[in-house]
């Protein structure tokens, strides 16, 4: 893999290096504070920059305030590290306000076994990361025979027919889930079961984003964070931004209520929402499903054509 950041301006290089150092330091601190003896062996094996800053296609529009963010894949030593959603989400949240960065950071976390399995299958998303990404950090250890441990396997060529069939199945399944949970959320809103409705609508939005990501890339991260799923989806198709108005109050707060509903609507007595907020959220999710359906149909047409042309 590439390791150089020479294509980035000096300011961006320093930001990327700062992000890398923060992630490594904070994880080390988290592990040191753990009471688990097993946790002492946890570590990041590789940290890879991918996406627009790796490809050299980033943008920074000062007039609109829109800008590319930093996309990172952390390859970790133990499955338990991939389940530390609170830790990784806290890192993302903290970096948004960190003056040393000034950009959002999007993290996905997988074990080496998981990544190598996807590379063996020719999975588009991970193959692109390995082919285009930049290695920011890795653990260098050797086996008894002198060969390096923790190696990434060479990406296999994708199977266009299998890709089309998988995308078609993902699309049908997750679209149905999104519509079903949206319907339940609307019913619970009318019954004034507000917290139940908030959770159902969160699940509808999450399912809609999984429909989009899995159809478009055959990959969706194992997270319930709507902010992460929205960010990843909108990078693929800018048209999806129309589903969530961002420039008027109280709409930003309504999205935050939806984002928090996965945990708080079920477990926190402090969580409060309103029928007005729930109606707005339901309408936005309806738009999201419709916009996502357009993107997915276009992608399926491309995948079907590639499958038919495959030898």
Protein backbone atom coordinates (compact mmCIF):
# COMPACT_ATOMS: atom_id res chain seq x y z
CA UNK A 1 0.00 0.00 0.00
CA UNK A 2 0.97 3.62 -0.43
CA UNK A 3 2.37 5.35 2.65
CA UNK A 4 3.19 8.86 1.42
CA UNK A 5 1.01 11.93 1.97
CA UNK A 6 3.02 14.09 -0.44
CA UNK A 7 -0.03 14.85 -2.58
CA UNK A 8 -1.63 16.76 0.33
CA UNK A 9 -0.84 20.36 1.27
CA UNK A 10 1.28 20.69 4.39
CA UNK A 11 -1.68 21.74 6.54
CA UNK A 12 -3.67 18.66 5.54
CA UNK A 13 -0.68 16.38 6.10
CA UNK A 14 -0.33 17.71 9.63
CA UNK A 15 -4.06 17.26 10.26
CA UNK A 16 -3.97 13.64 9.09
CA UNK A 17 -0.92 12.90 11.23
CA UNK A 18 -2.60 14.58 14.20
CA UNK A 19 -5.75 12.47 13.73
CA UNK A 20 -3.62 9.33 13.57
CA UNK A 21 -1.78 10.22 16.77
CA UNK A 22 -4.98 11.07 18.64
CA UNK A 23 -6.62 7.76 17.73
CA UNK A 24 -3.59 5.71 18.74
CA UNK A 25 -3.07 7.65 21.97
CA UNK A 26 -6.71 7.60 23.06
CA UNK A 27 -7.07 3.89 22.39
CA UNK A 28 -3.90 3.17 24.34
CA UNK A 29 -5.27 5.25 27.22
CA UNK A 30 -8.61 3.45 27.08
CA UNK A 31 -6.96 0.04 27.15
CA UNK A 32 -4.63 1.04 30.01
CA UNK A 33 -7.66 2.07 32.08
CA UNK A 34 -9.47 -1.23 31.46
CA UNK A 35 -9.75 -3.77 34.27
CA UNK A 36 -9.77 -6.65 31.82
CA UNK A 37 -6.51 -8.60 31.58
CA UNK A 38 -7.46 -9.59 28.02
CA UNK A 39 -7.80 -5.95 26.98
CA UNK A 40 -4.07 -5.43 27.52
CA UNK A 41 -3.49 -7.31 24.25
CA UNK A 42 -5.90 -5.16 22.23
CA UNK A 43 -4.36 -2.86 19.62
CA UNK A 44 -4.71 -1.29 16.22
CA UNK A 45 -2.78 -3.31 13.65
CA UNK A 46 -3.20 -0.89 10.76
CA UNK A 47 -4.72 2.54 10.26
CA UNK A 48 -5.59 3.45 6.68
CA UNK A 49 -6.70 6.74 5.17
CA UNK A 50 -9.15 6.20 2.31
CA UNK A 51 -11.68 8.25 0.36
CA UNK A 52 -11.19 11.67 -1.16
CA UNK A 53 -8.09 12.67 0.81
CA UNK A 54 -6.35 9.44 -0.20
CA UNK A 55 -7.40 9.79 -3.86
CA UNK A 56 -6.61 13.50 -4.04
CA UNK A 57 -10.22 14.47 -4.86
CA UNK A 58 -11.14 16.32 -1.64
CA UNK A 59 -12.93 19.67 -1.72
CA UNK A 60 -13.33 22.61 0.63
CA UNK A 61 -16.03 25.11 -0.34
CA UNK A 62 -15.79 28.11 1.99
CA UNK A 63 -18.91 29.75 0.56
CA UNK A 64 -21.24 26.86 1.32
CA UNK A 65 -19.27 25.54 4.27
CA UNK A 66 -19.18 22.08 2.71
CA UNK A 67 -15.96 20.15 2.83
CA UNK A 68 -14.62 16.62 2.58
CA UNK A 69 -13.97 14.81 5.84
CA UNK A 70 -11.29 12.28 6.76
CA UNK A 71 -12.20 8.62 6.22
CA UNK A 72 -10.23 6.05 8.19
CA UNK A 73 -10.25 2.27 8.46
CA UNK A 74 -8.86 0.90 11.71
CA UNK A 75 -7.86 -2.76 11.45
CA UNK A 76 -7.76 -4.15 14.97
CA UNK A 77 -6.40 -7.21 16.72
CA UNK A 78 -9.54 -8.47 18.47
CA UNK A 79 -13.24 -8.60 17.66
CA UNK A 80 -14.01 -6.92 20.98
CA UNK A 81 -12.41 -3.72 19.67
CA UNK A 82 -14.95 -3.53 16.84
CA UNK A 83 -17.75 -3.59 19.43
CA UNK A 84 -16.50 -0.52 21.32
CA UNK A 85 -19.08 1.68 19.61
CA UNK A 86 -19.09 4.18 22.46
CA UNK A 87 -15.34 4.67 22.28
CA UNK A 88 -15.13 5.13 18.50
CA UNK A 89 -18.22 7.38 18.41
CA UNK A 90 -16.75 9.51 21.22
CA UNK A 91 -13.55 9.88 19.21
CA UNK A 92 -15.54 11.07 16.18
CA UNK A 93 -17.61 13.50 18.28
CA UNK A 94 -14.57 14.90 20.02
CA UNK A 95 -12.68 15.52 16.78
CA UNK A 96 -15.51 17.60 15.32
CA UNK A 97 -14.77 20.34 17.87
CA UNK A 98 -11.01 19.80 18.04
CA UNK A 99 -9.25 22.97 16.75
CA UNK A 100 -6.32 20.82 15.65
CA UNK A 101 -8.49 19.21 12.97
CA UNK A 102 -11.39 21.40 11.94
CA UNK A 103 -13.01 18.56 10.01
CA UNK A 104 -15.22 15.58 10.68
CA UNK A 105 -13.53 12.23 10.97
CA UNK A 106 -15.36 9.06 9.93
CA UNK A 107 -14.04 5.80 11.39
CA UNK A 108 -14.86 2.21 10.48
CA UNK A 109 -13.35 -0.62 12.52
CA UNK A 110 -12.79 -4.25 11.49
CA UNK A 111 -10.52 -7.14 12.39
CA UNK A 112 -7.80 -8.29 10.02
CA UNK A 113 -9.71 -11.54 9.51
CA UNK A 114 -12.82 -9.65 8.43
CA UNK A 115 -10.94 -7.43 6.00
CA UNK A 116 -9.00 -10.32 4.45
CA UNK A 117 -12.22 -12.28 3.94
CA UNK A 118 -13.73 -9.35 2.04
CA UNK A 119 -10.55 -8.97 -0.05
CA UNK A 120 -10.62 -12.68 -0.85
CA UNK A 121 -14.21 -12.29 -2.10
CA UNK A 122 -13.29 -9.25 -4.19
CA UNK A 123 -15.58 -7.00 -2.16
CA UNK A 124 -15.60 -3.64 -3.96
CA UNK A 125 -15.46 -1.37 -0.91
CA UNK A 126 -12.45 -2.98 0.77
CA UNK A 127 -10.61 -3.62 -2.49
CA UNK A 128 -10.83 0.09 -3.25
CA UNK A 129 -9.47 0.97 0.19
CA UNK A 130 -6.45 -1.32 -0.28
CA UNK A 131 -5.84 -0.20 -3.87
CA UNK A 132 -6.28 3.55 -3.27
CA UNK A 133 -5.75 4.01 0.46
CA UNK A 134 -2.71 5.29 2.33
CA UNK A 135 -1.24 3.35 5.25
CA UNK A 136 -0.79 5.74 8.17
CA UNK A 137 0.30 3.21 10.78
CA UNK A 138 0.96 -0.50 11.14
CA UNK A 139 2.35 -2.96 13.64
CA UNK A 140 5.46 -4.63 12.22
CA UNK A 141 6.03 -8.07 13.70
CA UNK A 142 7.64 -11.16 12.24
CA UNK A 143 6.78 -14.81 12.50
CA UNK A 144 9.37 -17.46 13.45
CA UNK A 145 10.22 -17.98 9.77
CA UNK A 146 10.89 -14.28 9.27
CA UNK A 147 7.69 -13.45 7.37
CA UNK A 148 5.64 -10.46 8.44
CA UNK A 149 2.56 -11.00 10.56
CA UNK A 150 -0.76 -9.18 10.05
CA UNK A 151 -0.53 -9.01 6.27
CA UNK A 152 -3.38 -7.88 4.07
CA UNK A 153 -4.08 -10.33 1.29
CA UNK A 154 -4.07 -9.27 -2.35
CA UNK A 155 -7.56 -8.17 -3.44
CA UNK A 156 -9.29 -10.68 -5.69
CA UNK A 157 -11.06 -9.66 -8.86
CA UNK A 158 -14.76 -9.00 -8.16
CA UNK A 159 -17.43 -11.28 -9.59
CA UNK A 160 -19.89 -8.99 -11.46
CA UNK A 161 -22.69 -11.57 -11.45
CA UNK A 162 -22.41 -12.21 -7.73
CA UNK A 163 -22.17 -8.48 -7.05
CA UNK A 164 -25.42 -7.86 -8.92
CA UNK A 165 -27.29 -10.66 -7.17
CA UNK A 166 -26.09 -9.55 -3.74
CA UNK A 167 -26.97 -5.90 -4.38
CA UNK A 168 -30.43 -6.83 -5.66
CA UNK A 169 -31.10 -8.98 -2.58
CA UNK A 170 -29.83 -6.31 -0.19
CA UNK A 171 -31.98 -3.70 -1.89
CA UNK A 172 -35.20 -5.69 -1.65
CA UNK A 173 -34.62 -6.76 1.95
CA UNK A 174 -33.63 -3.41 3.45
CA UNK A 175 -36.22 -1.41 1.50
CA UNK A 176 -38.92 -3.64 2.96
CA UNK A 177 -37.49 -3.23 6.46
CA UNK A 178 -37.34 0.56 6.12
CA UNK A 179 -40.93 0.84 4.95
CA UNK A 180 -42.20 -1.55 7.62
CA UNK A 181 -40.52 0.29 10.49
CA UNK A 182 -41.66 3.63 9.07
CA UNK A 183 -45.26 2.39 9.06
CA UNK A 184 -44.97 1.18 12.65
CA UNK A 185 -43.43 4.49 13.67
CA UNK A 186 -46.27 6.44 12.11
CA UNK A 187 -48.88 4.26 13.86
CA UNK A 188 -47.20 4.66 17.23
CA UNK A 189 -47.02 8.43 16.69
CA UNK A 190 -50.78 8.61 16.19
CA UNK A 191 -51.29 6.45 19.31
CA UNK A 192 -49.06 8.91 21.19
CA UNK A 193 -46.59 6.18 22.11
CA UNK A 194 -43.93 8.76 21.43
CA UNK A 195 -40.75 7.10 22.62
CA UNK A 196 -41.66 3.84 20.91
CA UNK A 197 -42.35 5.80 17.74
CA UNK A 198 -38.99 7.58 18.02
CA UNK A 199 -37.13 4.27 18.20
CA UNK A 200 -39.14 2.83 15.29
CA UNK A 201 -38.35 5.87 13.13
CA UNK A 202 -34.67 5.59 13.99
CA UNK A 203 -34.78 1.98 12.81
CA UNK A 204 -36.55 3.04 9.60
CA UNK A 205 -33.86 5.64 8.84
CA UNK A 206 -31.08 3.18 9.66
CA UNK A 207 -32.64 0.55 7.37
CA UNK A 208 -32.96 3.12 4.56
CA UNK A 209 -29.28 3.96 4.82
CA UNK A 210 -28.34 0.29 4.90
CA UNK A 211 -30.41 -0.21 1.75
CA UNK A 212 -28.42 2.56 0.06
CA UNK A 213 -24.96 1.54 1.24
CA UNK A 214 -25.36 -2.19 0.67
CA UNK A 215 -26.88 -1.73 -2.77
CA UNK A 216 -24.28 0.80 -3.86
CA UNK A 217 -21.13 -0.71 -2.31
CA UNK A 218 -22.13 -4.09 -0.82
CA UNK A 219 -20.91 -2.72 2.52
CA UNK A 220 -22.42 -0.98 5.52
CA UNK A 221 -20.61 -0.51 8.84
CA UNK A 222 -21.86 -2.25 11.96
CA UNK A 223 -23.06 0.94 13.60
CA UNK A 224 -26.41 2.39 14.62
CA UNK A 225 -25.10 5.95 14.28
CA UNK A 226 -27.35 7.79 11.84
CA UNK A 227 -24.77 10.54 11.53
CA UNK A 228 -22.14 8.04 10.33
CA UNK A 229 -24.56 6.26 7.98
CA UNK A 230 -25.85 9.56 6.59
CA UNK A 231 -22.35 10.87 6.00
CA UNK A 232 -21.23 7.72 4.18
CA UNK A 233 -24.37 7.62 2.04
CA UNK A 234 -24.24 11.27 1.04
CA UNK A 235 -20.65 10.85 -0.11
CA UNK A 236 -21.89 8.28 -2.59
CA UNK A 237 -24.81 10.37 -3.85
CA UNK A 238 -25.02 14.08 -3.05
CA UNK A 239 -28.74 14.08 -3.91
CA UNK A 240 -29.49 12.31 -0.63
CA UNK A 241 -28.78 15.53 1.28
CA UNK A 242 -32.16 16.82 0.18
CA UNK A 243 -33.83 14.44 2.65
CA UNK A 244 -32.61 16.43 5.68
CA UNK A 245 -32.98 20.24 5.67
CA UNK A 246 -30.09 21.60 7.72
CA UNK A 247 -30.49 25.35 7.54
CA UNK A 248 -33.63 25.94 9.62
CA UNK A 249 -34.47 25.49 13.26
CA UNK A 250 -35.76 23.26 14.82
CA UNK A 251 -34.91 20.75 12.09
CA UNK A 252 -31.33 20.22 13.23
CA UNK A 253 -32.63 19.44 16.72
CA UNK A 254 -35.24 17.05 15.27
CA UNK A 255 -32.51 15.07 13.51
CA UNK A 256 -30.51 14.95 16.75
CA UNK A 257 -33.59 13.60 18.54
CA UNK A 258 -33.85 10.89 15.91
CA UNK A 259 -30.13 10.12 16.14
CA UNK A 260 -30.32 9.73 19.94
CA UNK A 261 -33.48 7.62 19.87
CA UNK A 262 -31.70 4.29 19.36
CA UNK A 263 -30.54 4.27 22.99
CA UNK A 264 -32.28 7.10 24.80
CA UNK A 265 -35.86 6.55 23.60
CA UNK A 266 -35.70 3.07 25.10
CA UNK A 267 -33.61 3.51 28.22
CA UNK A 268 -33.54 7.15 29.34
CA UNK A 269 -36.38 8.71 31.32
CA UNK A 270 -34.99 12.10 30.30
CA UNK A 271 -35.65 11.54 26.59
CA UNK A 272 -38.56 13.64 25.34
CA UNK A 273 -40.00 14.14 21.89
CA UNK A 274 -43.20 15.49 20.36
CA UNK A 275 -45.70 14.49 17.71
CA UNK A 276 -44.55 17.46 15.65
CA UNK A 277 -40.95 16.21 15.68
CA UNK A 278 -42.03 12.65 14.90
CA UNK A 279 -44.22 13.74 11.98
CA UNK A 280 -41.30 15.74 10.57
CA UNK A 281 -38.93 12.81 11.00
CA UNK A 282 -41.37 10.44 9.29
CA UNK A 283 -41.71 12.75 6.30
CA UNK A 284 -37.95 13.07 5.99
CA UNK A 285 -37.49 9.31 6.15
CA UNK A 286 -40.15 8.92 3.45
CA UNK A 287 -38.12 11.30 1.27
CA UNK A 288 -34.92 9.43 2.14
CA UNK A 289 -36.38 6.11 1.02
CA UNK A 290 -37.61 7.63 -2.24
CA UNK A 291 -34.30 9.38 -2.97
CA UNK A 292 -32.37 6.27 -2.03
CA UNK A 293 -34.56 4.18 -4.28
CA UNK A 294 -33.57 6.35 -7.26
CA UNK A 295 -29.87 5.93 -6.46
CA UNK A 296 -30.24 2.19 -5.95
CA UNK A 297 -32.15 1.63 -9.20
CA UNK A 298 -29.41 3.43 -11.11
CA UNK A 299 -26.75 1.33 -9.43
CA UNK A 300 -28.58 -1.93 -10.06
CA UNK A 301 -28.84 -1.08 -13.77
CA UNK A 302 -25.05 -0.56 -13.84
CA UNK A 303 -24.39 -3.81 -11.98
CA UNK A 304 -26.77 -5.78 -14.19
CA UNK A 305 -25.06 -4.48 -17.34
CA UNK A 306 -21.64 -5.43 -15.94
CA UNK A 307 -22.94 -8.89 -15.04
CA UNK A 308 -24.26 -9.47 -18.57
CA UNK A 309 -20.94 -8.41 -20.10
CA UNK A 310 -18.88 -10.63 -17.81
CA UNK A 311 -17.26 -13.65 -19.51
